[in-house]
Amino acid sequence: MKIGLIDVDGHNWPNLCLMKLSACHKAHGDDVEWWMPEGRYDRVYKSRVFTDTYSKDTITVDNAGEVIKGGTGYGPGPNLPDEVEHTRPDYALYPQFSGTAYGFMTRGCPRNCGFCIVSKKEGRRSTHIADLSEFWDGQKEVKLLDANLLACPDHERLILQLAESGAWVDFTQGLDVRLITPDNVSLLNRVKTKMLHFAWDDPNTDLTGCFRRFSELTSIRDFRRRRVYVLTNYGSTHEQDLYRVNTLRDISGSNWFKDRGLWQDNSYEPRPGDIIYFDWACFVP
């Protein structure tokens, strides 16, 4: 079979689904390539993570016997077959990201946040689905895509795998600061952490004590490797937004960032839709 692949979101971030499909088809002797409008394909896969807000699908395929669309961007749909899901990704598809492994060790999240699809799509439990070796084969960096690793009952064993790999680890989707314990922070301190992400999204939950507790336990003091996301103007009052912003600023003594540009004006007040990024300086508990 001749297989064509389309990354609807673009090529700024590897599409894990397409990498697994590519690896599986190649293992069966099929020819796999990025789709081109010329020629003929037996099957074309279109994968999209984001909805029309970010990634409009304007690509028409009329040179394939079959076109299969999948991904969160197209709405609810079937999961990948187990054979594909548990195939090591074909990282050669994205040579610009060589040296980095991407994958999930857990799926699901108990939080069920209104702005997030994970709990609805993957379930309200964080469940172990793969060991690190399933998608990592000695790469220098690991981009971990788990939504809530610390909520998984097996999370300490999985963190130990990350530590023993010796790879730099980016916890891309964040860690749940409410689930921090001395034991799991002790393990996290052994991981070569490229970036730790946390979030304070719920304005009705005061996480001040959680962030202070983490600051007392962590050995990561480089503010460039620790980040807090604050979602503002989402079911929150202006006062609630400012409380979270000012509390984190007081705890960390940090600067705060938006995705484009640095804010250093202490009189700043959040505007509708802003997500504020805190790069933590050394904490003062």
Protein backbone atom coordinates (compact mmCIF):
# COMPACT_ATOMS: atom_id res chain seq x y z
CA MET A 1 0.00 0.00 0.00
CA LYS A 2 1.00 3.60 -0.57
CA ILE A 3 0.16 5.76 2.44
CA GLY A 4 -0.04 9.55 2.56
CA LEU A 5 0.08 11.58 5.77
CA ILE A 6 -1.30 15.08 6.41
CA ASP A 7 -0.46 17.05 9.54
CA VAL A 8 -3.31 19.57 9.46
CA ASP A 9 -1.90 21.59 12.35
CA GLY A 10 1.37 22.16 10.51
CA HIS A 11 4.86 20.97 11.31
CA ASN A 12 5.73 23.13 14.31
CA TRP A 13 5.14 20.21 16.69
CA PRO A 14 5.38 16.49 15.84
CA ASN A 15 2.04 14.73 15.39
CA LEU A 16 2.34 11.64 17.58
CA CYS A 17 -0.56 9.84 15.93
CA LEU A 18 0.95 10.19 12.46
CA MET A 19 4.36 9.04 13.70
CA LYS A 20 2.80 5.88 15.14
CA LEU A 21 0.75 5.22 12.01
CA SER A 22 3.86 5.65 9.90
CA ALA A 23 5.88 3.22 12.01
CA CYS A 24 3.11 0.62 11.97
CA HIS A 25 2.58 0.79 8.20
CA LYS A 26 6.31 0.65 7.51
CA ALA A 27 6.54 -2.43 9.73
CA HIS A 28 3.98 -4.04 7.41
CA GLY A 29 6.02 -3.16 4.33
CA ASP A 30 3.92 -0.21 3.15
CA ASP A 31 5.31 2.92 1.51
CA VAL A 32 4.70 5.99 3.67
CA GLU A 33 5.26 9.64 2.81
CA TRP A 34 3.85 13.09 3.38
CA TRP A 35 0.82 13.52 1.13
CA MET A 36 1.27 15.35 -2.14
CA PRO A 37 -1.52 16.41 -4.52
CA GLU A 38 0.27 14.64 -7.34
CA GLY A 39 0.26 10.87 -7.71
CA ARG A 40 -2.08 8.31 -6.22
CA TYR A 41 -2.46 6.87 -2.70
CA ASP A 42 -4.25 3.84 -1.39
CA ARG A 43 -4.95 5.59 1.90
CA VAL A 44 -4.42 9.07 3.32
CA TYR A 45 -4.52 9.94 7.01
CA LYS A 46 -5.41 13.48 8.08
CA SER A 47 -4.66 14.23 11.73
CA ARG A 48 -5.58 17.36 13.64
CA VAL A 49 -5.10 18.17 17.32
CA PHE A 50 -6.71 21.63 17.36
CA THR A 51 -10.16 22.79 16.26
CA ASP A 52 -10.95 25.44 13.66
CA THR A 53 -10.01 28.15 16.13
CA TYR A 54 -6.35 27.31 15.53
CA SER A 55 -6.16 24.85 12.63
CA LYS A 56 -8.66 25.04 9.80
CA ASP A 57 -8.70 22.01 7.53
CA THR A 58 -8.62 23.49 4.04
CA ILE A 59 -6.93 20.52 2.38
CA THR A 60 -8.95 18.59 -0.20
CA VAL A 61 -7.76 15.08 -1.01
CA ASP A 62 -9.04 13.65 -4.29
CA ASN A 63 -6.20 11.29 -5.15
CA ALA A 64 -6.70 8.53 -2.59
CA GLY A 65 -8.79 5.39 -2.43
CA GLU A 66 -9.56 6.14 1.23
CA VAL A 67 -9.22 9.18 3.47
CA ILE A 68 -9.24 8.74 7.25
CA LYS A 69 -9.56 11.74 9.54
CA GLY A 70 -8.70 11.61 13.22
CA GLY A 71 -7.67 13.61 16.24
CA THR A 72 -9.25 15.88 18.81
CA GLY A 73 -9.58 18.65 16.23
CA TYR A 74 -12.20 16.61 14.39
CA GLY A 75 -14.19 15.84 17.54
CA PRO A 76 -14.79 12.55 19.39
CA GLY A 77 -13.72 9.45 17.53
CA PRO A 78 -12.28 5.98 17.99
CA ASN A 79 -8.90 5.50 19.62
CA LEU A 80 -5.98 4.13 17.66
CA PRO A 81 -5.90 0.33 17.47
CA ASP A 82 -3.67 -1.17 20.16
CA GLU A 83 -1.14 -2.28 17.56
CA VAL A 84 -0.69 1.33 16.48
CA GLU A 85 -1.02 2.91 19.92
CA HIS A 86 1.81 0.82 21.32
CA THR A 87 4.15 1.20 18.35
CA ARG A 88 7.30 3.23 18.84
CA PRO A 89 6.85 6.48 16.85
CA ASP A 90 8.59 7.01 13.54
CA TYR A 91 10.65 10.02 14.57
CA ALA A 92 12.21 10.22 11.10
CA LEU A 93 9.02 11.95 9.94
CA TYR A 94 10.14 15.10 11.72
CA PRO A 95 13.94 15.32 11.32
CA GLN A 96 13.87 18.89 12.62
CA PHE A 97 13.03 17.46 16.06
CA SER A 98 15.63 14.69 16.08
CA GLY A 99 17.04 13.77 19.47
CA THR A 100 13.70 14.19 21.26
CA ALA A 101 11.20 11.50 22.22
CA TYR A 102 7.48 12.23 22.57
CA GLY A 103 4.85 10.19 24.32
CA PHE A 104 2.41 9.37 27.09
CA MET A 105 3.00 7.17 30.12
CA THR A 106 -0.50 7.86 31.47
CA ARG A 107 -3.86 8.94 30.09
CA GLY A 108 -6.77 10.67 31.78
CA CYS A 109 -7.24 13.25 34.53
CA PRO A 110 -9.62 13.43 37.51
CA ARG A 111 -9.98 17.22 37.48
CA ASN A 112 -12.55 17.58 34.66
CA CYS A 113 -11.77 21.26 34.04
CA GLY A 114 -14.35 22.99 31.87
CA PHE A 115 -11.80 24.34 29.40
CA CYS A 116 -10.02 20.99 28.95
CA ILE A 117 -11.09 17.98 26.88
CA VAL A 118 -8.88 15.37 28.58
CA SER A 119 -11.28 14.10 31.25
CA LYS A 120 -14.12 13.81 28.75
CA LYS A 121 -11.95 12.14 26.12
CA GLU A 122 -9.69 9.91 28.22
CA GLY A 123 -11.60 9.46 31.47
CA ARG A 124 -11.53 10.90 34.98
CA ARG A 125 -8.77 8.61 36.18
CA SER A 126 -5.10 8.88 35.38
CA THR A 127 -4.13 5.40 34.22
CA HIS A 128 -0.75 3.92 33.30
CA ILE A 129 -0.70 3.04 29.60
CA ALA A 130 2.99 2.72 28.71
CA ASP A 131 6.47 2.57 30.13
CA LEU A 132 9.08 5.04 28.95
CA SER A 133 10.80 2.41 26.82
CA GLU A 134 7.77 2.25 24.52
CA PHE A 135 8.57 5.65 22.98
CA TRP A 136 12.11 6.44 24.19
CA ASP A 137 15.21 4.79 22.78
CA GLY A 138 18.11 6.79 24.12
CA GLN A 139 17.13 10.27 22.92
CA LYS A 140 18.70 13.13 24.86
CA GLU A 141 15.33 14.74 25.60
CA VAL A 142 11.85 13.51 26.49
CA LYS A 143 8.72 15.58 25.92
CA LEU A 144 6.19 14.00 28.28
CA LEU A 145 2.61 14.68 27.17
CA ASP A 146 0.72 13.30 30.19
CA ALA A 147 -2.15 15.46 31.43
CA ASN A 148 -1.85 14.47 35.11
CA LEU A 149 1.04 12.11 35.82
CA LEU A 150 0.92 12.59 39.60
CA ALA A 151 -2.71 11.42 39.75
CA CYS A 152 -1.71 7.96 38.49
CA PRO A 153 -1.26 5.36 41.27
CA ASP A 154 1.93 4.20 39.50
CA HIS A 155 3.42 7.66 39.16
CA GLU A 156 6.43 7.10 41.45
CA ARG A 157 7.55 4.09 39.41
CA LEU A 158 7.13 6.09 36.21
CA ILE A 159 9.07 9.08 37.56
CA LEU A 160 11.86 6.68 38.49
CA GLN A 161 12.00 5.51 34.86
CA LEU A 162 12.44 9.12 33.78
CA ALA A 163 15.18 9.65 36.35
CA GLU A 164 17.06 6.50 35.38
CA SER A 165 16.92 7.38 31.67
CA GLY A 166 19.35 10.26 32.18
CA ALA A 167 17.42 12.23 29.54
CA TRP A 168 16.32 15.82 29.94
CA VAL A 169 12.59 15.78 30.66
CA ASP A 170 10.03 18.45 29.81
CA PHE A 171 6.71 17.89 31.63
CA THR A 172 4.90 19.71 28.84
CA GLN A 173 1.33 19.50 30.14
CA GLY A 174 2.17 20.28 33.72
CA LEU A 175 2.22 18.62 37.11
CA ASP A 176 -0.63 18.89 39.61
CA VAL A 177 0.79 20.90 42.51
CA ARG A 178 -2.07 19.65 44.74
CA LEU A 179 -0.61 16.13 44.54
CA ILE A 180 2.93 17.03 45.59
CA THR A 181 4.34 14.86 48.41
CA PRO A 182 7.81 14.53 49.95
CA ASP A 183 8.17 11.14 48.26
CA ASN A 184 7.32 12.18 44.71
CA VAL A 185 9.30 15.42 44.93
CA SER A 186 12.28 13.38 46.12
CA LEU A 187 11.97 11.36 42.90
CA LEU A 188 11.41 14.47 40.77
CA ASN A 189 14.62 15.90 42.23
CA ARG A 190 16.45 12.99 40.60
CA VAL A 191 15.06 13.77 37.12
CA LYS A 192 17.10 15.92 34.74
CA THR A 193 14.28 18.40 34.40
CA LYS A 194 14.27 20.69 31.40
CA MET A 195 10.98 22.31 32.39
CA LEU A 196 8.41 21.89 35.17
CA HIS A 197 4.99 23.33 34.44
CA PHE A 198 2.32 24.00 37.03
CA ALA A 199 -1.02 25.79 36.74
CA TRP A 200 -3.38 27.76 38.94
CA ASP A 201 -6.54 27.76 36.85
CA ASP A 202 -9.35 27.47 39.40
CA PRO A 203 -9.95 30.82 41.11
CA ASN A 204 -12.01 29.14 43.83
CA THR A 205 -9.13 26.93 45.04
CA ASP A 206 -6.36 28.56 47.02
CA LEU A 207 -3.10 26.82 46.09
CA THR A 208 -0.80 29.13 48.04
CA GLY A 209 0.11 26.40 50.54
CA CYS A 210 0.75 23.89 47.75
CA PHE A 211 3.21 26.15 45.97
CA ARG A 212 4.97 26.98 49.22
CA ARG A 213 5.23 23.28 50.09
CA PHE A 214 6.76 22.50 46.70
CA SER A 215 9.24 25.34 47.15
CA GLU A 216 10.41 23.79 50.41
CA LEU A 217 10.92 20.35 48.85
CA THR A 218 12.28 20.95 45.36
CA SER A 219 15.96 21.07 44.48
CA ILE A 220 15.23 22.91 41.23
CA ARG A 221 16.24 26.51 41.83
CA ASP A 222 16.74 27.68 38.26
CA PHE A 223 13.68 29.83 37.50
CA ARG A 224 14.10 29.03 33.80
CA ARG A 225 13.10 25.44 34.52
CA ARG A 226 9.92 26.20 36.50
CA ARG A 227 6.77 27.83 35.21
CA VAL A 228 3.25 28.51 36.49
CA TYR A 229 0.34 29.15 34.15
CA VAL A 230 -2.48 31.35 35.44
CA LEU A 231 -5.71 31.36 33.46
CA THR A 232 -7.56 34.64 33.95
CA ASN A 233 -11.04 35.84 33.10
CA TYR A 234 -12.41 32.30 32.89
CA GLY A 235 -15.20 32.02 35.46
CA SER A 236 -13.27 34.39 37.69
CA THR A 237 -13.65 37.93 38.94
CA HIS A 238 -11.03 40.58 38.44
CA GLU A 239 -10.23 40.40 42.14
CA GLN A 240 -9.69 36.62 41.95
CA ASP A 241 -7.37 37.05 39.00
CA LEU A 242 -5.32 39.66 40.79
CA TYR A 243 -5.15 37.54 43.94
CA ARG A 244 -3.53 34.64 42.08
CA VAL A 245 -1.20 36.92 40.14
CA ASN A 246 -0.08 38.85 43.20
CA THR A 247 0.20 35.76 45.42
CA LEU A 248 2.53 33.99 43.00
CA ARG A 249 4.53 37.15 42.50
CA ASP A 250 4.90 37.55 46.26
CA ILE A 251 5.92 33.91 46.73
CA SER A 252 8.44 33.78 43.95
CA GLY A 253 9.63 37.33 43.53
CA SER A 254 9.45 36.55 39.83
CA ASN A 255 8.86 38.43 36.66
CA TRP A 256 5.75 37.45 34.77
CA PHE A 257 5.27 36.83 31.12
CA LYS A 258 2.64 36.70 28.44
CA ASP A 259 3.28 34.62 25.34
CA ARG A 260 4.44 37.73 23.47
CA GLY A 261 6.51 40.09 25.55
CA LEU A 262 7.59 40.64 29.11
CA TRP A 263 5.53 42.55 31.66
CA GLN A 264 7.51 44.23 34.40
CA ASP A 265 5.04 46.95 35.34
CA ASN A 266 3.81 46.17 38.85
CA SER A 267 0.58 48.06 38.17
CA TYR A 268 -0.43 45.58 35.46
CA GLU A 269 -3.96 44.19 35.70
CA PRO A 270 -5.07 41.09 33.70
CA ARG A 271 -7.10 41.69 30.60
CA PRO A 272 -9.81 39.36 29.26
CA GLY A 273 -8.35 36.12 27.96
CA ASP A 274 -4.83 36.64 29.26
CA ILE A 275 -2.80 33.66 30.37
CA ILE A 276 0.01 34.80 32.63
CA TYR A 277 3.24 32.81 32.76
CA PHE A 278 5.34 32.97 35.92
CA ASP A 279 8.99 31.98 35.67
CA TRP A 280 9.85 31.20 39.27
CA ALA A 281 12.90 32.73 40.84
CA CYS A 282 14.27 31.09 43.96
CA PHE A 283 11.39 30.76 46.39
CA VAL A 284 11.40 32.36 49.78
CA PRO A 285 9.09 30.06 51.82
